[in-house]
Amino acid sequence: MEALFIPSLFALIIAASVALLVTHARFSTRTLLLFTAFLLGAAVRLRYYQATPLPVRAYDFAGHIEYLQYVLDNWTIPVSSAGWEFHQPPLYYFFIAGIAQVLMFFSSSVTLVHVAGATSLLLSLVSLGV
């Protein structure tokens, strides 16, 4: 999944960029600078995600995966003392668990780690564009 996800996402960003440039002939300097900053930020995020293993990107990933697994199994907010990362606000974990449940229904090769990593990358790209 991840092997195809990154190039596909990068191709989508490039295609959207080209479409935007083709459809709008005039740009202010500010718009071009903001657009360029977004593309560079997206490229850096994508490359970092692709080049680094999960333990390098998130030293505490095991605790987050434990929280996600709890939510996926129980669909309740855990007691904060029940796990290492269980003190975190639950919205992010319920969001990822929902996506994971749908994806895992359609494919047995999808893992919680892949869903969490890909969703975090997408949320990072969305926050970059805001």
N, C-alpha and C. Protein backbone atom coordinates (compact mmCIF):
# COMPACT_ATOMS: atom_id res chain seq x y z
N MET A 1 0.82 -1.19 0.00
CA MET A 1 0.00 0.00 0.00
C MET A 1 0.86 1.25 0.00
N GLU A 2 1.83 1.32 0.94
CA GLU A 2 2.66 2.51 1.04
C GLU A 2 3.51 2.72 -0.21
N ALA A 3 3.97 1.64 -0.82
CA ALA A 3 4.83 1.75 -1.99
C ALA A 3 4.12 2.47 -3.13
N LEU A 4 2.83 2.26 -3.27
CA LEU A 4 2.07 2.94 -4.31
C LEU A 4 1.49 4.26 -3.85
N PHE A 5 1.26 4.40 -2.56
CA PHE A 5 0.63 5.60 -2.02
C PHE A 5 1.47 6.86 -2.24
N ILE A 6 2.74 6.81 -1.89
CA ILE A 6 3.60 7.99 -1.96
C ILE A 6 3.75 8.51 -3.39
N PRO A 7 4.14 7.67 -4.36
CA PRO A 7 4.24 8.19 -5.72
C PRO A 7 2.90 8.70 -6.26
N SER A 8 1.81 8.04 -5.90
CA SER A 8 0.50 8.47 -6.37
C SER A 8 0.14 9.83 -5.79
N LEU A 9 0.41 10.02 -4.51
CA LEU A 9 0.12 11.30 -3.88
C LEU A 9 0.98 12.40 -4.48
N PHE A 10 2.25 12.12 -4.69
CA PHE A 10 3.13 13.11 -5.28
C PHE A 10 2.68 13.46 -6.71
N ALA A 11 2.28 12.45 -7.49
CA ALA A 11 1.80 12.70 -8.84
C ALA A 11 0.53 13.54 -8.82
N LEU A 12 -0.34 13.30 -7.84
CA LEU A 12 -1.56 14.09 -7.72
C LEU A 12 -1.25 15.55 -7.42
N ILE A 13 -0.28 15.77 -6.54
CA ILE A 13 0.11 17.15 -6.21
C ILE A 13 0.69 17.84 -7.45
N ILE A 14 1.54 17.16 -8.18
CA ILE A 14 2.13 17.74 -9.39
C ILE A 14 1.04 18.03 -10.42
N ALA A 15 0.11 17.10 -10.62
CA ALA A 15 -0.97 17.29 -11.59
C ALA A 15 -1.85 18.47 -11.20
N ALA A 16 -2.17 18.59 -9.92
CA ALA A 16 -2.98 19.72 -9.46
C ALA A 16 -2.23 21.03 -9.67
N SER A 17 -0.93 21.01 -9.43
CA SER A 17 -0.11 22.21 -9.62
C SER A 17 -0.10 22.64 -11.08
N VAL A 18 0.11 21.69 -11.97
CA VAL A 18 0.13 22.00 -13.40
C VAL A 18 -1.24 22.50 -13.85
N ALA A 19 -2.31 21.86 -13.38
CA ALA A 19 -3.66 22.30 -13.75
C ALA A 19 -3.92 23.71 -13.28
N LEU A 20 -3.49 24.03 -12.09
CA LEU A 20 -3.67 25.38 -11.56
C LEU A 20 -2.89 26.40 -12.39
N LEU A 21 -1.67 26.06 -12.73
CA LEU A 21 -0.86 26.98 -13.53
C LEU A 21 -1.43 27.19 -14.93
N VAL A 22 -1.96 26.13 -15.52
CA VAL A 22 -2.50 26.23 -16.87
C VAL A 22 -3.80 27.02 -16.89
N THR A 23 -4.65 26.84 -15.89
CA THR A 23 -5.95 27.50 -15.90
C THR A 23 -5.91 28.96 -15.48
N HIS A 24 -4.88 29.36 -14.80
CA HIS A 24 -4.77 30.75 -14.36
C HIS A 24 -3.49 31.36 -14.93
N ALA A 25 -3.66 32.20 -15.91
CA ALA A 25 -2.50 32.75 -16.60
C ALA A 25 -1.79 33.83 -15.78
N ARG A 26 -2.53 34.55 -14.97
CA ARG A 26 -1.91 35.64 -14.20
C ARG A 26 -1.86 35.31 -12.72
N PHE A 27 -0.71 35.50 -12.15
CA PHE A 27 -0.53 35.28 -10.72
C PHE A 27 0.18 36.48 -10.13
N SER A 28 -0.21 36.83 -8.93
CA SER A 28 0.55 37.85 -8.22
C SER A 28 1.82 37.19 -7.68
N THR A 29 2.79 37.99 -7.36
CA THR A 29 4.04 37.48 -6.81
C THR A 29 3.77 36.74 -5.50
N ARG A 30 2.87 37.27 -4.69
CA ARG A 30 2.53 36.65 -3.41
C ARG A 30 1.93 35.26 -3.63
N THR A 31 1.03 35.15 -4.58
CA THR A 31 0.41 33.85 -4.86
C THR A 31 1.44 32.84 -5.32
N LEU A 32 2.32 33.25 -6.20
CA LEU A 32 3.36 32.34 -6.68
C LEU A 32 4.29 31.90 -5.55
N LEU A 33 4.64 32.84 -4.68
CA LEU A 33 5.50 32.49 -3.54
C LEU A 33 4.80 31.51 -2.59
N LEU A 34 3.53 31.75 -2.30
CA LEU A 34 2.79 30.84 -1.42
C LEU A 34 2.63 29.46 -2.05
N PHE A 35 2.36 29.44 -3.33
CA PHE A 35 2.20 28.17 -4.04
C PHE A 35 3.52 27.41 -4.08
N THR A 36 4.60 28.10 -4.33
CA THR A 36 5.92 27.48 -4.34
C THR A 36 6.28 26.95 -2.96
N ALA A 37 5.98 27.72 -1.92
CA ALA A 37 6.25 27.28 -0.55
C ALA A 37 5.44 26.02 -0.22
N PHE A 38 4.19 25.97 -0.68
CA PHE A 38 3.37 24.78 -0.44
C PHE A 38 3.98 23.57 -1.14
N LEU A 39 4.36 23.73 -2.40
CA LEU A 39 4.94 22.60 -3.15
C LEU A 39 6.23 22.11 -2.52
N LEU A 40 7.08 23.04 -2.11
CA LEU A 40 8.33 22.64 -1.46
C LEU A 40 8.06 21.95 -0.13
N GLY A 41 7.14 22.49 0.64
CA GLY A 41 6.78 21.87 1.92
C GLY A 41 6.21 20.47 1.72
N ALA A 42 5.36 20.32 0.71
CA ALA A 42 4.78 19.00 0.42
C ALA A 42 5.87 18.03 -0.03
N ALA A 43 6.78 18.48 -0.87
CA ALA A 43 7.85 17.62 -1.35
C ALA A 43 8.76 17.17 -0.19
N VAL A 44 9.07 18.08 0.72
CA VAL A 44 9.91 17.73 1.87
C VAL A 44 9.19 16.72 2.76
N ARG A 45 7.91 16.94 3.02
CA ARG A 45 7.15 16.01 3.86
C ARG A 45 7.09 14.62 3.22
N LEU A 46 6.79 14.58 1.93
CA LEU A 46 6.70 13.30 1.24
C LEU A 46 8.03 12.56 1.24
N ARG A 47 9.09 13.29 0.99
CA ARG A 47 10.41 12.65 0.96
C ARG A 47 10.83 12.15 2.34
N TYR A 48 10.57 12.95 3.36
CA TYR A 48 10.90 12.56 4.73
C TYR A 48 10.12 11.30 5.13
N TYR A 49 8.84 11.28 4.78
CA TYR A 49 8.00 10.12 5.09
C TYR A 49 8.50 8.88 4.38
N GLN A 50 8.92 9.04 3.15
CA GLN A 50 9.39 7.91 2.35
C GLN A 50 10.77 7.42 2.79
N ALA A 51 11.62 8.34 3.25
CA ALA A 51 13.02 8.00 3.51
C ALA A 51 13.29 7.52 4.94
N THR A 52 12.38 7.78 5.87
CA THR A 52 12.66 7.44 7.26
C THR A 52 11.74 6.33 7.76
N PRO A 53 12.28 5.41 8.54
CA PRO A 53 11.43 4.38 9.14
C PRO A 53 10.59 4.98 10.27
N LEU A 54 9.50 4.34 10.58
CA LEU A 54 8.57 4.85 11.59
C LEU A 54 9.23 5.15 12.93
N PRO A 55 10.09 4.30 13.48
CA PRO A 55 10.69 4.63 14.78
C PRO A 55 11.53 5.92 14.77
N VAL A 56 12.01 6.33 13.61
CA VAL A 56 12.76 7.58 13.52
C VAL A 56 11.79 8.77 13.53
N ARG A 57 10.68 8.63 12.82
CA ARG A 57 9.69 9.71 12.75
C ARG A 57 8.93 9.88 14.06
N ALA A 58 8.70 8.80 14.76
CA ALA A 58 7.90 8.85 15.99
C ALA A 58 8.46 7.83 16.98
N TYR A 59 9.30 8.29 17.88
CA TYR A 59 9.94 7.38 18.83
C TYR A 59 8.92 6.67 19.72
N ASP A 60 7.74 7.27 19.89
CA ASP A 60 6.73 6.71 20.78
C ASP A 60 5.58 6.05 20.01
N PHE A 61 5.87 5.60 18.78
CA PHE A 61 4.81 5.05 17.94
C PHE A 61 4.13 3.83 18.54
N ALA A 62 4.86 3.03 19.29
CA ALA A 62 4.26 1.81 19.87
C ALA A 62 3.10 2.17 20.81
N GLY A 63 3.25 3.23 21.58
CA GLY A 63 2.17 3.67 22.46
C GLY A 63 0.98 4.18 21.69
N HIS A 64 1.22 4.85 20.58
CA HIS A 64 0.12 5.35 19.75
C HIS A 64 -0.61 4.19 19.06
N ILE A 65 0.15 3.21 18.61
CA ILE A 65 -0.46 2.04 17.98
C ILE A 65 -1.28 1.26 19.00
N GLU A 66 -0.78 1.18 20.24
CA GLU A 66 -1.53 0.52 21.31
C GLU A 66 -2.87 1.24 21.54
N TYR A 67 -2.85 2.57 21.56
CA TYR A 67 -4.07 3.37 21.72
C TYR A 67 -5.01 3.11 20.54
N LEU A 68 -4.49 3.14 19.33
CA LEU A 68 -5.31 2.88 18.14
C LEU A 68 -5.94 1.49 18.19
N GLN A 69 -5.16 0.50 18.60
CA GLN A 69 -5.68 -0.86 18.68
C GLN A 69 -6.79 -0.95 19.72
N TYR A 70 -6.61 -0.27 20.84
CA TYR A 70 -7.64 -0.24 21.87
C TYR A 70 -8.94 0.34 21.31
N VAL A 71 -8.83 1.48 20.64
CA VAL A 71 -10.02 2.13 20.08
C VAL A 71 -10.66 1.23 19.02
N LEU A 72 -9.85 0.64 18.17
CA LEU A 72 -10.36 -0.24 17.12
C LEU A 72 -11.08 -1.46 17.71
N ASP A 73 -10.60 -1.96 18.83
CA ASP A 73 -11.21 -3.13 19.47
C ASP A 73 -12.45 -2.79 20.29
N ASN A 74 -12.45 -1.61 20.93
CA ASN A 74 -13.49 -1.31 21.92
C ASN A 74 -14.42 -0.15 21.55
N TRP A 75 -13.98 0.76 20.73
CA TRP A 75 -14.73 1.97 20.35
C TRP A 75 -15.20 2.75 21.58
N THR A 76 -14.33 2.84 22.57
CA THR A 76 -14.57 3.68 23.75
C THR A 76 -13.29 4.42 24.06
N ILE A 77 -13.41 5.50 24.81
CA ILE A 77 -12.24 6.26 25.24
C ILE A 77 -11.58 5.49 26.38
N PRO A 78 -10.29 5.21 26.26
CA PRO A 78 -9.63 4.43 27.33
C PRO A 78 -9.35 5.28 28.57
N VAL A 79 -9.20 4.61 29.67
CA VAL A 79 -8.76 5.27 30.91
C VAL A 79 -7.33 5.75 30.67
N SER A 80 -7.03 6.97 31.05
CA SER A 80 -5.72 7.55 30.72
C SER A 80 -4.54 6.80 31.33
N SER A 81 -4.76 6.09 32.40
CA SER A 81 -3.67 5.36 33.04
C SER A 81 -3.50 3.93 32.50
N ALA A 82 -4.32 3.54 31.53
CA ALA A 82 -4.29 2.17 31.03
C ALA A 82 -3.16 1.91 30.02
N GLY A 83 -2.57 2.96 29.48
CA GLY A 83 -1.50 2.79 28.51
C GLY A 83 -0.60 4.01 28.45
N TRP A 84 0.53 3.87 27.80
CA TRP A 84 1.54 4.93 27.79
C TRP A 84 1.03 6.21 27.14
N GLU A 85 0.33 6.12 26.02
CA GLU A 85 -0.16 7.30 25.31
C GLU A 85 -1.66 7.53 25.49
N PHE A 86 -2.29 6.83 26.41
CA PHE A 86 -3.74 6.91 26.55
C PHE A 86 -4.21 8.24 27.13
N HIS A 87 -3.31 9.09 27.53
CA HIS A 87 -3.68 10.42 28.04
C HIS A 87 -3.98 11.41 26.91
N GLN A 88 -3.69 11.01 25.67
CA GLN A 88 -3.88 11.90 24.52
C GLN A 88 -5.37 12.09 24.22
N PRO A 89 -5.75 13.26 23.64
CA PRO A 89 -7.15 13.46 23.24
C PRO A 89 -7.57 12.41 22.20
N PRO A 90 -8.80 11.93 22.26
CA PRO A 90 -9.19 10.76 21.48
C PRO A 90 -9.61 11.01 20.02
N LEU A 91 -9.92 12.22 19.60
CA LEU A 91 -10.48 12.43 18.26
C LEU A 91 -9.60 11.86 17.16
N TYR A 92 -8.31 12.16 17.21
CA TYR A 92 -7.35 11.67 16.21
C TYR A 92 -7.37 10.15 16.11
N TYR A 93 -7.42 9.48 17.24
CA TYR A 93 -7.38 8.02 17.28
C TYR A 93 -8.68 7.40 16.75
N PHE A 94 -9.80 8.00 17.08
CA PHE A 94 -11.07 7.51 16.54
C PHE A 94 -11.14 7.75 15.03
N PHE A 95 -10.62 8.86 14.57
CA PHE A 95 -10.59 9.16 13.14
C PHE A 95 -9.77 8.10 12.39
N ILE A 96 -8.57 7.83 12.87
CA ILE A 96 -7.70 6.84 12.22
C ILE A 96 -8.29 5.43 12.35
N ALA A 97 -8.86 5.10 13.51
CA ALA A 97 -9.45 3.78 13.68
C ALA A 97 -10.62 3.57 12.71
N GLY A 98 -11.39 4.61 12.47
CA GLY A 98 -12.49 4.51 11.50
C GLY A 98 -11.98 4.26 10.10
N ILE A 99 -10.97 5.00 9.70
CA ILE A 99 -10.36 4.79 8.38
C ILE A 99 -9.77 3.37 8.29
N ALA A 100 -9.08 2.97 9.35
CA ALA A 100 -8.45 1.63 9.36
C ALA A 100 -9.50 0.54 9.25
N GLN A 101 -10.60 0.69 9.94
CA GLN A 101 -11.63 -0.35 9.90
C GLN A 101 -12.19 -0.50 8.48
N VAL A 102 -12.43 0.62 7.81
CA VAL A 102 -12.94 0.56 6.44
C VAL A 102 -11.90 -0.09 5.51
N LEU A 103 -10.65 0.36 5.60
CA LEU A 103 -9.61 -0.19 4.73
C LEU A 103 -9.34 -1.66 5.00
N MET A 104 -9.35 -2.05 6.27
CA MET A 104 -9.10 -3.44 6.63
C MET A 104 -10.24 -4.36 6.19
N PHE A 105 -11.44 -3.79 6.06
CA PHE A 105 -12.57 -4.56 5.55
C PHE A 105 -12.34 -4.98 4.10
N PHE A 106 -11.71 -4.08 3.33
CA PHE A 106 -11.50 -4.34 1.91
C PHE A 106 -10.19 -5.05 1.60
N SER A 107 -9.22 -4.97 2.51
CA SER A 107 -7.92 -5.58 2.23
C SER A 107 -7.30 -6.13 3.51
N SER A 108 -6.88 -7.37 3.46
CA SER A 108 -6.25 -7.97 4.63
C SER A 108 -4.78 -7.56 4.77
N SER A 109 -4.22 -6.93 3.74
CA SER A 109 -2.81 -6.54 3.81
C SER A 109 -2.61 -5.17 4.45
N VAL A 110 -3.68 -4.45 4.74
CA VAL A 110 -3.59 -3.14 5.38
C VAL A 110 -3.31 -3.33 6.86
N THR A 111 -2.34 -2.59 7.38
CA THR A 111 -2.04 -2.67 8.81
C THR A 111 -2.34 -1.33 9.47
N LEU A 112 -2.53 -1.37 10.76
CA LEU A 112 -2.80 -0.16 11.53
C LEU A 112 -1.64 0.82 11.44
N VAL A 113 -0.43 0.31 11.40
CA VAL A 113 0.76 1.16 11.30
C VAL A 113 0.74 1.93 9.98
N HIS A 114 0.41 1.25 8.88
CA HIS A 114 0.37 1.93 7.58
C HIS A 114 -0.73 2.98 7.52
N VAL A 115 -1.89 2.65 8.05
CA VAL A 115 -3.01 3.59 8.04
C VAL A 115 -2.66 4.82 8.88
N ALA A 116 -2.09 4.60 10.05
CA ALA A 116 -1.72 5.71 10.92
C ALA A 116 -0.67 6.60 10.26
N GLY A 117 0.33 5.99 9.66
CA GLY A 117 1.38 6.78 9.00
C GLY A 117 0.86 7.57 7.82
N ALA A 118 0.06 6.93 6.97
CA ALA A 118 -0.47 7.61 5.79
C ALA A 118 -1.44 8.72 6.18
N THR A 119 -2.28 8.46 7.18
CA THR A 119 -3.23 9.48 7.63
C THR A 119 -2.51 10.66 8.24
N SER A 120 -1.48 10.40 9.01
CA SER A 120 -0.69 11.49 9.60
C SER A 120 -0.03 12.33 8.51
N LEU A 121 0.47 11.67 7.48
CA LEU A 121 1.07 12.40 6.36
C LEU A 121 0.03 13.28 5.68
N LEU A 122 -1.14 12.73 5.41
CA LEU A 122 -2.19 13.51 4.76
C LEU A 122 -2.62 14.70 5.61
N LEU A 123 -2.78 14.49 6.92
CA LEU A 123 -3.14 15.60 7.80
C LEU A 123 -2.04 16.65 7.83
N SER A 124 -0.80 16.22 7.75
CA SER A 124 0.32 17.17 7.69
C SER A 124 0.26 18.01 6.42
N LEU A 125 -0.06 17.37 5.29
CA LEU A 125 -0.18 18.11 4.03
C LEU A 125 -1.37 19.07 4.06
N VAL A 126 -2.46 18.65 4.68
CA VAL A 126 -3.63 19.54 4.79
C VAL A 126 -3.28 20.74 5.66
N SER A 127 -2.59 20.50 6.76
CA SER A 127 -2.23 21.63 7.64
C SER A 127 -1.26 22.58 6.96
N LEU A 128 -0.45 22.05 6.07
CA LEU A 128 0.48 22.89 5.31
C LEU A 128 -0.29 23.84 4.39
N GLY A 129 -1.39 23.36 3.82
CA GLY A 129 -2.15 24.16 2.88
C GLY A 129 -3.10 25.16 3.53
N VAL A 130 -3.30 25.04 4.83
CA VAL A 130 -4.25 25.93 5.51
C VAL A 130 -3.64 27.25 5.82
